[in-house]
N, C-alpha and C. Protein backbone atom coordinates (compact mmCIF):
# COMPACT_ATOMS: atom_id res chain seq x y z
N MET A 1 0.85 -1.22 0.00
CA MET A 1 -0.02 -0.02 0.02
C MET A 1 0.88 1.25 -0.01
N PRO A 2 0.79 2.09 -1.02
CA PRO A 2 1.63 3.25 -1.13
C PRO A 2 1.27 4.27 -0.05
N LEU A 3 2.31 4.98 0.46
CA LEU A 3 2.07 6.03 1.46
C LEU A 3 1.95 7.37 0.75
N HIS A 4 1.11 8.23 1.27
CA HIS A 4 0.86 9.53 0.67
C HIS A 4 1.22 10.67 1.62
N PHE A 5 2.52 10.86 1.86
CA PHE A 5 2.94 11.91 2.76
C PHE A 5 2.77 13.25 2.08
N SER A 6 2.17 14.20 2.77
CA SER A 6 1.96 15.55 2.22
C SER A 6 2.13 16.60 3.36
N ILE A 7 3.11 17.51 3.14
CA ILE A 7 3.33 18.56 4.17
C ILE A 7 2.04 19.39 4.32
N GLN A 8 1.37 19.63 3.20
CA GLN A 8 0.15 20.44 3.25
C GLN A 8 -0.95 19.77 4.08
N GLU A 9 -1.14 18.47 3.85
CA GLU A 9 -2.13 17.68 4.59
C GLU A 9 -1.76 17.60 6.08
N ILE A 10 -0.44 17.40 6.38
CA ILE A 10 0.01 17.32 7.77
C ILE A 10 -0.24 18.67 8.45
N ALA A 11 0.08 19.79 7.77
CA ALA A 11 -0.11 21.11 8.32
C ALA A 11 -1.60 21.38 8.62
N SER A 12 -2.47 21.04 7.66
CA SER A 12 -3.91 21.25 7.79
C SER A 12 -4.47 20.45 8.99
N CYS A 13 -4.10 19.14 9.08
CA CYS A 13 -4.56 18.30 10.19
C CYS A 13 -4.01 18.79 11.53
N PHE A 14 -2.72 19.21 11.49
CA PHE A 14 -2.13 19.73 12.71
C PHE A 14 -2.84 20.93 13.25
N MET A 15 -3.18 21.87 12.39
CA MET A 15 -3.81 23.12 12.76
C MET A 15 -5.21 22.85 13.30
N VAL A 16 -5.93 21.94 12.69
CA VAL A 16 -7.37 21.62 13.11
C VAL A 16 -7.29 21.04 14.54
N LEU A 17 -6.41 20.03 14.69
CA LEU A 17 -6.30 19.39 16.03
C LEU A 17 -5.72 20.31 17.05
N PHE A 18 -4.75 21.15 16.69
CA PHE A 18 -4.13 22.10 17.61
C PHE A 18 -5.20 23.09 18.18
N ALA A 19 -6.04 23.53 17.27
CA ALA A 19 -7.09 24.50 17.63
C ALA A 19 -8.16 23.83 18.59
N ILE A 20 -8.46 22.56 18.28
CA ILE A 20 -9.45 21.86 19.13
C ILE A 20 -8.86 21.44 20.51
N ILE A 21 -7.65 20.88 20.48
CA ILE A 21 -7.02 20.50 21.75
C ILE A 21 -6.73 21.70 22.59
N ASP A 22 -6.26 22.81 21.93
CA ASP A 22 -6.01 24.09 22.65
C ASP A 22 -5.29 23.92 23.95
N ILE A 23 -4.11 23.27 23.86
CA ILE A 23 -3.31 22.95 25.07
C ILE A 23 -2.87 24.20 25.82
N PHE A 24 -2.52 25.25 25.08
CA PHE A 24 -2.11 26.49 25.75
C PHE A 24 -3.30 27.15 26.49
N GLY A 25 -4.47 27.02 25.92
CA GLY A 25 -5.65 27.50 26.58
C GLY A 25 -6.02 26.70 27.81
N SER A 26 -5.48 25.47 27.88
CA SER A 26 -5.84 24.57 28.96
C SER A 26 -4.83 24.75 30.15
N VAL A 27 -3.79 25.57 29.97
CA VAL A 27 -2.77 25.76 31.02
C VAL A 27 -3.42 26.02 32.41
N PRO A 28 -4.43 26.92 32.51
CA PRO A 28 -5.06 27.12 33.85
C PRO A 28 -5.66 25.88 34.44
N ILE A 29 -6.25 25.00 33.58
CA ILE A 29 -6.86 23.76 34.08
C ILE A 29 -5.74 22.82 34.53
N ILE A 30 -4.67 22.70 33.72
CA ILE A 30 -3.55 21.85 34.01
C ILE A 30 -2.90 22.25 35.33
N VAL A 31 -2.66 23.58 35.54
CA VAL A 31 -2.09 24.11 36.77
C VAL A 31 -3.00 23.83 37.97
N SER A 32 -4.32 23.95 37.74
CA SER A 32 -5.32 23.77 38.80
C SER A 32 -5.25 22.27 39.25
N ILE A 33 -5.20 21.38 38.29
CA ILE A 33 -5.16 19.93 38.62
C ILE A 33 -3.82 19.57 39.30
N LYS A 34 -2.76 20.20 38.79
CA LYS A 34 -1.38 20.03 39.42
C LYS A 34 -1.37 20.46 40.85
N ASN A 35 -2.03 21.60 41.13
CA ASN A 35 -2.05 22.14 42.52
C ASN A 35 -2.92 21.25 43.41
N LYS A 36 -3.94 20.60 42.80
CA LYS A 36 -4.85 19.72 43.59
C LYS A 36 -4.14 18.45 44.02
N ILE A 37 -3.32 17.84 43.10
CA ILE A 37 -2.74 16.55 43.40
C ILE A 37 -1.24 16.58 43.65
N GLY A 38 -0.63 17.77 43.40
CA GLY A 38 0.78 17.93 43.72
C GLY A 38 1.77 17.69 42.53
N TYR A 39 1.38 16.92 41.54
CA TYR A 39 2.33 16.62 40.44
C TYR A 39 1.50 16.16 39.24
N LEU A 40 2.11 16.14 38.09
CA LEU A 40 1.49 15.64 36.86
C LEU A 40 2.41 14.61 36.22
N GLN A 41 1.80 13.54 35.67
CA GLN A 41 2.55 12.57 34.95
C GLN A 41 2.52 12.89 33.41
N ALA A 42 3.40 13.79 33.06
CA ALA A 42 3.36 14.31 31.70
C ALA A 42 3.47 13.22 30.65
N LYS A 43 4.45 12.32 30.80
CA LYS A 43 4.67 11.29 29.80
C LYS A 43 3.43 10.31 29.70
N LYS A 44 2.96 9.88 30.84
CA LYS A 44 1.86 8.94 30.86
C LYS A 44 0.59 9.63 30.27
N THR A 45 0.33 10.86 30.62
CA THR A 45 -0.84 11.55 30.08
C THR A 45 -0.75 11.69 28.59
N THR A 46 0.42 12.06 28.10
CA THR A 46 0.64 12.27 26.62
C THR A 46 0.50 10.96 25.89
N LEU A 47 1.05 9.91 26.41
CA LEU A 47 1.03 8.55 25.71
C LEU A 47 -0.44 8.02 25.71
N VAL A 48 -1.14 8.21 26.84
CA VAL A 48 -2.53 7.74 26.84
C VAL A 48 -3.38 8.52 25.87
N ALA A 49 -3.24 9.85 25.88
CA ALA A 49 -4.00 10.71 24.88
C ALA A 49 -3.67 10.33 23.50
N CYS A 50 -2.37 10.09 23.19
CA CYS A 50 -1.90 9.74 21.85
C CYS A 50 -2.53 8.38 21.43
N ALA A 51 -2.48 7.44 22.35
CA ALA A 51 -3.03 6.10 22.11
C ALA A 51 -4.49 6.17 21.79
N ILE A 52 -5.24 6.97 22.62
CA ILE A 52 -6.70 7.10 22.43
C ILE A 52 -6.98 7.70 21.02
N MET A 53 -6.24 8.71 20.63
CA MET A 53 -6.54 9.38 19.35
C MET A 53 -6.19 8.54 18.17
N ILE A 54 -5.04 7.87 18.19
CA ILE A 54 -4.63 7.02 17.09
C ILE A 54 -5.55 5.76 16.99
N SER A 55 -5.87 5.19 18.14
CA SER A 55 -6.79 4.06 18.16
C SER A 55 -8.16 4.41 17.53
N PHE A 56 -8.61 5.66 17.91
CA PHE A 56 -9.90 6.09 17.48
C PHE A 56 -9.91 6.41 15.98
N LEU A 57 -8.75 6.78 15.48
CA LEU A 57 -8.62 7.03 14.07
C LEU A 57 -8.90 5.72 13.23
N PHE A 58 -8.46 4.57 13.76
CA PHE A 58 -8.69 3.31 13.10
C PHE A 58 -9.97 2.58 13.42
N VAL A 59 -10.35 2.67 14.68
CA VAL A 59 -11.51 1.84 15.06
C VAL A 59 -12.68 2.64 15.65
N GLY A 60 -12.56 4.01 15.69
CA GLY A 60 -13.55 4.82 16.33
C GLY A 60 -14.93 4.59 15.85
N ASP A 61 -15.17 4.72 14.55
CA ASP A 61 -16.50 4.57 13.99
C ASP A 61 -17.04 3.15 14.22
N LYS A 62 -16.16 2.15 14.03
CA LYS A 62 -16.56 0.73 14.18
C LYS A 62 -16.90 0.45 15.62
N LEU A 63 -16.09 1.00 16.57
CA LEU A 63 -16.28 0.77 18.01
C LEU A 63 -17.55 1.36 18.46
N LEU A 64 -17.86 2.59 18.02
CA LEU A 64 -19.10 3.22 18.43
C LEU A 64 -20.34 2.49 17.89
N LYS A 65 -20.21 2.02 16.62
CA LYS A 65 -21.31 1.25 16.04
C LYS A 65 -21.55 -0.09 16.75
N LEU A 66 -20.38 -0.69 17.15
CA LEU A 66 -20.43 -1.99 17.84
C LEU A 66 -21.17 -1.93 19.18
N ILE A 67 -20.98 -0.81 19.87
CA ILE A 67 -21.64 -0.70 21.22
C ILE A 67 -22.94 0.13 21.08
N GLY A 68 -23.36 0.33 19.85
CA GLY A 68 -24.62 1.00 19.60
C GLY A 68 -24.66 2.48 19.88
N ILE A 69 -23.51 3.14 19.80
CA ILE A 69 -23.41 4.60 20.05
C ILE A 69 -23.00 5.22 18.77
N ASP A 70 -23.66 6.33 18.37
CA ASP A 70 -23.18 7.11 17.20
C ASP A 70 -22.29 8.18 17.64
N VAL A 71 -21.64 8.84 16.66
CA VAL A 71 -20.70 9.93 16.91
C VAL A 71 -21.37 11.09 17.65
N TYR A 72 -22.62 11.34 17.27
CA TYR A 72 -23.38 12.49 17.91
C TYR A 72 -23.55 12.28 19.39
N SER A 73 -23.94 11.06 19.77
CA SER A 73 -24.14 10.76 21.23
C SER A 73 -22.81 10.88 21.97
N PHE A 74 -21.77 10.41 21.33
CA PHE A 74 -20.42 10.53 21.92
C PHE A 74 -20.00 11.94 22.12
N ALA A 75 -20.26 12.79 21.13
CA ALA A 75 -19.87 14.22 21.22
C ALA A 75 -20.70 14.95 22.32
N VAL A 76 -21.99 14.60 22.39
CA VAL A 76 -22.88 15.20 23.41
C VAL A 76 -22.33 14.82 24.85
N ALA A 77 -21.97 13.56 25.05
CA ALA A 77 -21.46 13.15 26.35
C ALA A 77 -20.18 13.88 26.66
N GLY A 78 -19.29 14.00 25.69
CA GLY A 78 -18.06 14.73 25.88
C GLY A 78 -18.28 16.21 26.22
N ALA A 79 -19.28 16.81 25.51
CA ALA A 79 -19.68 18.21 25.75
C ALA A 79 -20.09 18.44 27.19
N LEU A 80 -20.89 17.49 27.77
CA LEU A 80 -21.32 17.58 29.12
C LEU A 80 -20.23 17.54 30.13
N VAL A 81 -19.21 16.70 29.87
CA VAL A 81 -18.01 16.64 30.72
C VAL A 81 -17.25 17.98 30.69
N LEU A 82 -17.02 18.49 29.46
CA LEU A 82 -16.34 19.80 29.30
C LEU A 82 -17.17 20.88 30.03
N PHE A 83 -18.46 20.82 29.96
CA PHE A 83 -19.34 21.79 30.62
C PHE A 83 -19.09 21.82 32.10
N VAL A 84 -18.96 20.66 32.73
CA VAL A 84 -18.71 20.58 34.19
C VAL A 84 -17.34 21.16 34.51
N ILE A 85 -16.30 20.81 33.72
CA ILE A 85 -14.96 21.33 33.95
C ILE A 85 -14.94 22.87 33.84
N ALA A 86 -15.69 23.38 32.82
CA ALA A 86 -15.82 24.86 32.61
C ALA A 86 -16.47 25.52 33.84
N LEU A 87 -17.50 24.93 34.34
CA LEU A 87 -18.23 25.48 35.54
C LEU A 87 -17.22 25.53 36.74
N GLU A 88 -16.45 24.50 36.91
CA GLU A 88 -15.45 24.47 38.01
C GLU A 88 -14.51 25.65 37.88
N MET A 89 -14.06 25.92 36.64
CA MET A 89 -13.07 26.97 36.38
C MET A 89 -13.68 28.38 36.68
N ILE A 90 -14.94 28.53 36.19
CA ILE A 90 -15.55 29.89 36.30
C ILE A 90 -15.99 30.20 37.74
N LEU A 91 -16.59 29.22 38.37
CA LEU A 91 -17.18 29.42 39.74
C LEU A 91 -16.23 29.16 40.86
N GLY A 92 -15.11 28.48 40.53
CA GLY A 92 -14.12 28.17 41.57
C GLY A 92 -14.64 27.09 42.51
N ILE A 93 -15.47 26.19 42.00
CA ILE A 93 -15.99 25.06 42.86
C ILE A 93 -15.41 23.76 42.43
N GLU A 94 -15.51 22.76 43.27
CA GLU A 94 -15.00 21.40 42.96
C GLU A 94 -16.18 20.45 42.82
N ILE A 95 -16.39 20.05 41.54
CA ILE A 95 -17.46 19.05 41.26
C ILE A 95 -16.86 17.70 41.11
N ASN A 96 -15.80 17.68 40.31
CA ASN A 96 -15.05 16.43 40.03
C ASN A 96 -13.99 16.22 41.07
N LYS A 97 -14.30 15.47 42.12
CA LYS A 97 -13.30 15.21 43.17
C LYS A 97 -12.32 14.13 42.73
N ILE A 98 -11.05 14.45 42.71
CA ILE A 98 -10.03 13.48 42.34
C ILE A 98 -9.55 12.73 43.58
N ASP A 99 -10.05 11.52 43.75
CA ASP A 99 -9.68 10.67 44.94
C ASP A 99 -8.27 10.10 44.72
N GLU A 100 -8.05 9.61 43.53
CA GLU A 100 -6.80 8.88 43.22
C GLU A 100 -5.91 9.77 42.41
N PRO A 101 -4.79 10.25 42.95
CA PRO A 101 -3.85 11.11 42.21
C PRO A 101 -3.40 10.50 40.88
N GLN A 102 -3.26 9.17 40.83
CA GLN A 102 -2.83 8.50 39.64
C GLN A 102 -3.84 8.68 38.51
N SER A 103 -5.10 8.73 38.84
CA SER A 103 -6.16 8.79 37.84
C SER A 103 -6.26 10.18 37.15
N ALA A 104 -5.68 11.19 37.74
CA ALA A 104 -5.72 12.54 37.19
C ALA A 104 -4.99 12.62 35.88
N SER A 105 -4.04 11.69 35.63
CA SER A 105 -3.31 11.67 34.36
C SER A 105 -4.28 11.21 33.22
N ILE A 106 -5.20 10.36 33.58
CA ILE A 106 -6.14 9.81 32.57
C ILE A 106 -7.38 10.69 32.50
N VAL A 107 -8.09 10.84 33.64
CA VAL A 107 -9.28 11.70 33.67
C VAL A 107 -9.02 12.79 34.70
N PRO A 108 -9.17 14.06 34.40
CA PRO A 108 -9.73 14.61 33.10
C PRO A 108 -8.65 15.03 32.09
N LEU A 109 -7.33 14.78 32.39
CA LEU A 109 -6.31 15.33 31.47
C LEU A 109 -6.28 14.58 30.10
N ALA A 110 -5.90 13.34 30.09
CA ALA A 110 -5.77 12.61 28.79
C ALA A 110 -7.14 12.56 28.10
N PHE A 111 -8.17 12.27 28.91
CA PHE A 111 -9.54 12.26 28.42
C PHE A 111 -10.44 12.91 29.45
N PRO A 112 -11.26 13.93 29.17
CA PRO A 112 -11.55 14.44 27.83
C PRO A 112 -10.84 15.73 27.46
N LEU A 113 -9.86 16.15 28.29
CA LEU A 113 -9.28 17.49 27.98
C LEU A 113 -8.42 17.45 26.69
N ILE A 114 -7.55 16.47 26.53
CA ILE A 114 -6.69 16.39 25.36
C ILE A 114 -7.37 15.59 24.25
N ALA A 115 -7.59 14.29 24.54
CA ALA A 115 -8.30 13.41 23.56
C ALA A 115 -9.77 13.42 23.97
N GLY A 116 -10.46 14.49 23.79
CA GLY A 116 -11.86 14.60 24.16
C GLY A 116 -12.78 14.35 22.98
N ALA A 117 -14.08 14.58 23.22
CA ALA A 117 -15.05 14.36 22.13
C ALA A 117 -14.74 15.23 20.93
N GLY A 118 -14.34 16.52 21.15
CA GLY A 118 -14.04 17.42 20.09
C GLY A 118 -12.93 16.89 19.21
N SER A 119 -11.82 16.53 19.81
CA SER A 119 -10.64 16.07 19.03
C SER A 119 -10.87 14.66 18.40
N LEU A 120 -11.62 13.83 19.11
CA LEU A 120 -11.89 12.49 18.61
C LEU A 120 -12.90 12.55 17.40
N THR A 121 -13.86 13.45 17.55
CA THR A 121 -14.80 13.66 16.48
C THR A 121 -14.08 14.28 15.23
N ALA A 122 -13.13 15.18 15.54
CA ALA A 122 -12.31 15.83 14.47
C ALA A 122 -11.47 14.81 13.77
N VAL A 123 -10.92 13.83 14.52
CA VAL A 123 -10.12 12.78 13.92
C VAL A 123 -10.94 12.00 12.89
N LEU A 124 -12.17 11.63 13.26
CA LEU A 124 -13.05 10.93 12.37
C LEU A 124 -13.38 11.76 11.15
N ALA A 125 -13.59 13.06 11.34
CA ALA A 125 -13.90 14.02 10.28
C ALA A 125 -12.66 14.13 9.32
N LEU A 126 -11.47 14.23 9.87
CA LEU A 126 -10.25 14.35 9.03
C LEU A 126 -9.98 13.08 8.23
N LYS A 127 -10.38 11.95 8.85
CA LYS A 127 -10.15 10.65 8.15
C LYS A 127 -10.93 10.60 6.84
N ALA A 128 -12.04 11.25 6.80
CA ALA A 128 -12.83 11.27 5.52
C ALA A 128 -12.23 12.12 4.46
N GLU A 129 -11.32 13.06 4.86
CA GLU A 129 -10.75 13.98 3.91
C GLU A 129 -9.28 13.87 3.64
N TYR A 130 -8.50 13.33 4.59
CA TYR A 130 -7.07 13.27 4.43
C TYR A 130 -6.56 11.82 4.59
N HIS A 131 -5.29 11.61 4.11
CA HIS A 131 -4.65 10.31 4.24
C HIS A 131 -4.31 10.02 5.69
N THR A 132 -4.52 8.74 6.11
CA THR A 132 -4.29 8.29 7.47
C THR A 132 -2.90 8.64 7.99
N GLU A 133 -1.84 8.34 7.17
CA GLU A 133 -0.50 8.59 7.64
C GLU A 133 -0.21 10.06 8.02
N ASN A 134 -0.86 11.01 7.20
CA ASN A 134 -0.66 12.42 7.54
C ASN A 134 -1.36 12.84 8.82
N ILE A 135 -2.53 12.22 9.09
CA ILE A 135 -3.26 12.49 10.35
C ILE A 135 -2.46 12.00 11.49
N ILE A 136 -1.82 10.80 11.37
CA ILE A 136 -1.02 10.22 12.44
C ILE A 136 0.16 11.16 12.79
N ILE A 137 0.84 11.68 11.75
CA ILE A 137 1.99 12.61 11.99
C ILE A 137 1.48 13.88 12.68
N ALA A 138 0.33 14.35 12.25
CA ALA A 138 -0.30 15.58 12.88
C ALA A 138 -0.61 15.31 14.34
N ILE A 139 -1.13 14.13 14.68
CA ILE A 139 -1.44 13.78 16.06
C ILE A 139 -0.15 13.73 16.85
N LEU A 140 0.92 13.09 16.35
CA LEU A 140 2.17 12.99 17.02
C LEU A 140 2.83 14.35 17.29
N LEU A 141 2.73 15.24 16.32
CA LEU A 141 3.27 16.61 16.48
C LEU A 141 2.51 17.33 17.60
N ASN A 142 1.19 17.19 17.59
CA ASN A 142 0.38 17.83 18.62
C ASN A 142 0.73 17.22 20.01
N MET A 143 0.96 15.93 20.06
CA MET A 143 1.30 15.29 21.33
C MET A 143 2.65 15.77 21.84
N ALA A 144 3.58 16.09 20.95
CA ALA A 144 4.90 16.64 21.35
C ALA A 144 4.69 17.97 22.05
N VAL A 145 3.80 18.79 21.48
CA VAL A 145 3.47 20.14 22.08
C VAL A 145 2.83 19.95 23.43
N VAL A 146 1.86 19.00 23.47
CA VAL A 146 1.10 18.70 24.73
C VAL A 146 2.10 18.26 25.84
N TYR A 147 3.06 17.36 25.49
CA TYR A 147 4.01 16.89 26.45
C TYR A 147 4.83 18.04 27.03
N LEU A 148 5.30 18.97 26.18
CA LEU A 148 6.13 20.06 26.66
C LEU A 148 5.36 21.02 27.56
N VAL A 149 4.05 21.25 27.22
CA VAL A 149 3.19 22.11 28.06
C VAL A 149 2.96 21.42 29.44
N LEU A 150 2.68 20.16 29.42
CA LEU A 150 2.48 19.43 30.66
C LEU A 150 3.78 19.37 31.53
N LYS A 151 4.89 19.09 30.85
CA LYS A 151 6.15 18.95 31.55
C LYS A 151 6.57 20.29 32.19
N TYR A 152 6.32 21.39 31.52
CA TYR A 152 6.78 22.69 32.02
C TYR A 152 5.68 23.56 32.53
N SER A 153 4.56 22.95 32.90
CA SER A 153 3.40 23.68 33.42
C SER A 153 3.72 24.55 34.61
N GLY A 154 4.63 24.01 35.47
CA GLY A 154 5.12 24.74 36.64
C GLY A 154 5.86 26.00 36.25
N LYS A 155 6.71 25.86 35.31
CA LYS A 155 7.51 27.07 34.81
C LYS A 155 6.57 28.05 34.12
N LEU A 156 5.59 27.55 33.37
CA LEU A 156 4.59 28.47 32.71
C LEU A 156 3.84 29.23 33.79
N GLU A 157 3.55 28.56 34.91
CA GLU A 157 2.77 29.16 36.02
C GLU A 157 3.66 30.30 36.63
N GLN A 158 4.95 29.99 36.79
CA GLN A 158 5.85 30.99 37.36
C GLN A 158 6.01 32.23 36.47
N ILE A 159 6.15 31.94 35.18
CA ILE A 159 6.31 33.01 34.19
C ILE A 159 5.03 33.91 34.14
N LEU A 160 3.92 33.25 34.13
CA LEU A 160 2.63 33.98 34.06
C LEU A 160 2.19 34.60 35.37
N GLY A 161 2.54 33.93 36.49
CA GLY A 161 2.13 34.41 37.79
C GLY A 161 0.72 33.94 38.16
N LYS A 162 0.47 33.82 39.49
CA LYS A 162 -0.83 33.28 39.96
C LYS A 162 -2.01 34.18 39.57
N GLY A 163 -1.80 35.50 39.57
CA GLY A 163 -2.88 36.44 39.23
C GLY A 163 -3.30 36.27 37.81
N VAL A 164 -2.32 36.19 36.92
CA VAL A 164 -2.65 35.99 35.48
C VAL A 164 -3.32 34.67 35.26
N ILE A 165 -2.78 33.61 35.92
CA ILE A 165 -3.38 32.25 35.81
C ILE A 165 -4.84 32.27 36.27
N SER A 166 -5.11 32.98 37.35
CA SER A 166 -6.46 33.07 37.90
C SER A 166 -7.41 33.75 36.93
N VAL A 167 -6.95 34.85 36.31
CA VAL A 167 -7.80 35.51 35.28
C VAL A 167 -7.97 34.61 34.09
N MET A 168 -6.85 33.98 33.65
CA MET A 168 -6.88 33.11 32.45
C MET A 168 -7.83 31.95 32.70
N LYS A 169 -7.85 31.43 33.97
CA LYS A 169 -8.73 30.34 34.36
C LYS A 169 -10.22 30.69 34.09
N LYS A 170 -10.59 31.90 34.52
CA LYS A 170 -11.95 32.34 34.39
C LYS A 170 -12.30 32.57 32.87
N VAL A 171 -11.37 33.20 32.19
CA VAL A 171 -11.56 33.52 30.74
C VAL A 171 -11.66 32.23 29.91
N PHE A 172 -10.71 31.32 30.12
CA PHE A 172 -10.73 30.09 29.38
C PHE A 172 -11.85 29.16 29.83
N GLY A 173 -12.29 29.35 31.08
CA GLY A 173 -13.44 28.63 31.54
C GLY A 173 -14.70 29.00 30.74
N ILE A 174 -14.85 30.31 30.47
CA ILE A 174 -15.97 30.77 29.65
C ILE A 174 -15.85 30.30 28.27
N ILE A 175 -14.57 30.31 27.68
CA ILE A 175 -14.36 29.81 26.32
C ILE A 175 -14.71 28.33 26.25
N LEU A 176 -14.25 27.56 27.29
CA LEU A 176 -14.50 26.12 27.27
C LEU A 176 -16.01 25.86 27.43
N LEU A 177 -16.69 26.70 28.20
CA LEU A 177 -18.15 26.57 28.40
C LEU A 177 -18.86 26.82 27.02
N ALA A 178 -18.34 27.85 26.27
CA ALA A 178 -18.87 28.12 24.97
C ALA A 178 -18.66 27.00 24.00
N ILE A 179 -17.42 26.41 24.02
CA ILE A 179 -17.13 25.26 23.16
C ILE A 179 -18.00 24.12 23.48
N SER A 180 -18.21 23.83 24.78
CA SER A 180 -19.01 22.71 25.17
C SER A 180 -20.51 22.88 24.76
N ILE A 181 -21.01 24.14 24.88
CA ILE A 181 -22.37 24.40 24.43
C ILE A 181 -22.53 24.25 22.94
N LYS A 182 -21.51 24.78 22.18
CA LYS A 182 -21.49 24.64 20.75
C LYS A 182 -21.45 23.15 20.30
N LEU A 183 -20.58 22.41 20.97
CA LEU A 183 -20.45 20.99 20.63
C LEU A 183 -21.74 20.24 20.97
N PHE A 184 -22.36 20.63 22.13
CA PHE A 184 -23.61 20.04 22.53
C PHE A 184 -24.74 20.34 21.55
N THR A 185 -24.94 21.65 21.22
CA THR A 185 -26.08 22.05 20.36
C THR A 185 -25.92 21.51 18.89
N ALA A 186 -24.64 21.48 18.44
CA ALA A 186 -24.35 20.97 17.06
C ALA A 186 -24.68 19.50 16.94
N ASN A 187 -24.41 18.77 18.00
CA ASN A 187 -24.64 17.29 17.93
C ASN A 187 -25.97 16.89 18.43
N ILE A 188 -26.60 17.61 19.38
CA ILE A 188 -27.89 17.24 19.90
C ILE A 188 -28.97 17.39 18.76
N THR A 189 -28.78 18.38 17.91
CA THR A 189 -29.64 18.60 16.75
C THR A 189 -29.64 17.42 15.84
N SER A 190 -28.37 17.01 15.49
CA SER A 190 -28.21 15.84 14.62
C SER A 190 -28.76 14.55 15.26
N LEU A 191 -28.52 14.48 16.57
CA LEU A 191 -28.97 13.29 17.32
C LEU A 191 -30.52 13.22 17.33
N LEU A 192 -31.20 14.37 17.57
CA LEU A 192 -32.64 14.39 17.61
C LEU A 192 -33.26 14.11 16.26
N GLU A 193 -32.58 14.66 15.20
CA GLU A 193 -33.05 14.41 13.82
C GLU A 193 -32.99 12.88 13.51
N LYS A 194 -31.88 12.27 14.01
CA LYS A 194 -31.71 10.87 13.75
C LYS A 194 -32.79 9.99 14.48
N VAL A 195 -33.08 10.44 15.71
CA VAL A 195 -34.07 9.73 16.51
C VAL A 195 -35.49 9.86 15.89
N SER A 196 -35.75 11.13 15.41
CA SER A 196 -37.13 11.36 14.86
C SER A 196 -37.42 10.61 13.57
N HIS A 197 -36.28 10.19 12.84
CA HIS A 197 -36.49 9.44 11.57
C HIS A 197 -36.68 7.98 11.80
């Protein structure tokens, strides 16, 4: 099977995923989780998120069909999780209590913050338009950026300062809330249309 490497395709896929993952926009959430549990497992979080996204690229649509879930239902569920995280950021309350520090690397960091409904739905959408090998490279490049941000989140916090982080947390909380509502409304409409037919 011939490979179709294309810088243009890689760049397009990278930008789409970079915008949806928005790791720099998630710095306030990352710092907040780090302060809650004391440390972050940057490598583990990145590898899990990468594995989820690449696996979803190959088996996502089949897996969802197999368990009787469509992409719209999946996106709506992810939107609700993002909605809760956004409320925590804006209101300064704790809804999602992290009992096990180990689990913070997986939930909510690897999923749904990095490899969330938005990025996983985007992966399926990109698959319909671009070659698989270019999407994989774009995912790996994004994961490299994610790893660096997670690894140096403490330094980023020092550079930005607690005051700026606090303001960013509220601002990005509102942005995340808007993204979750947009994701919810876009997919609930399609879901309801499917149910009515």
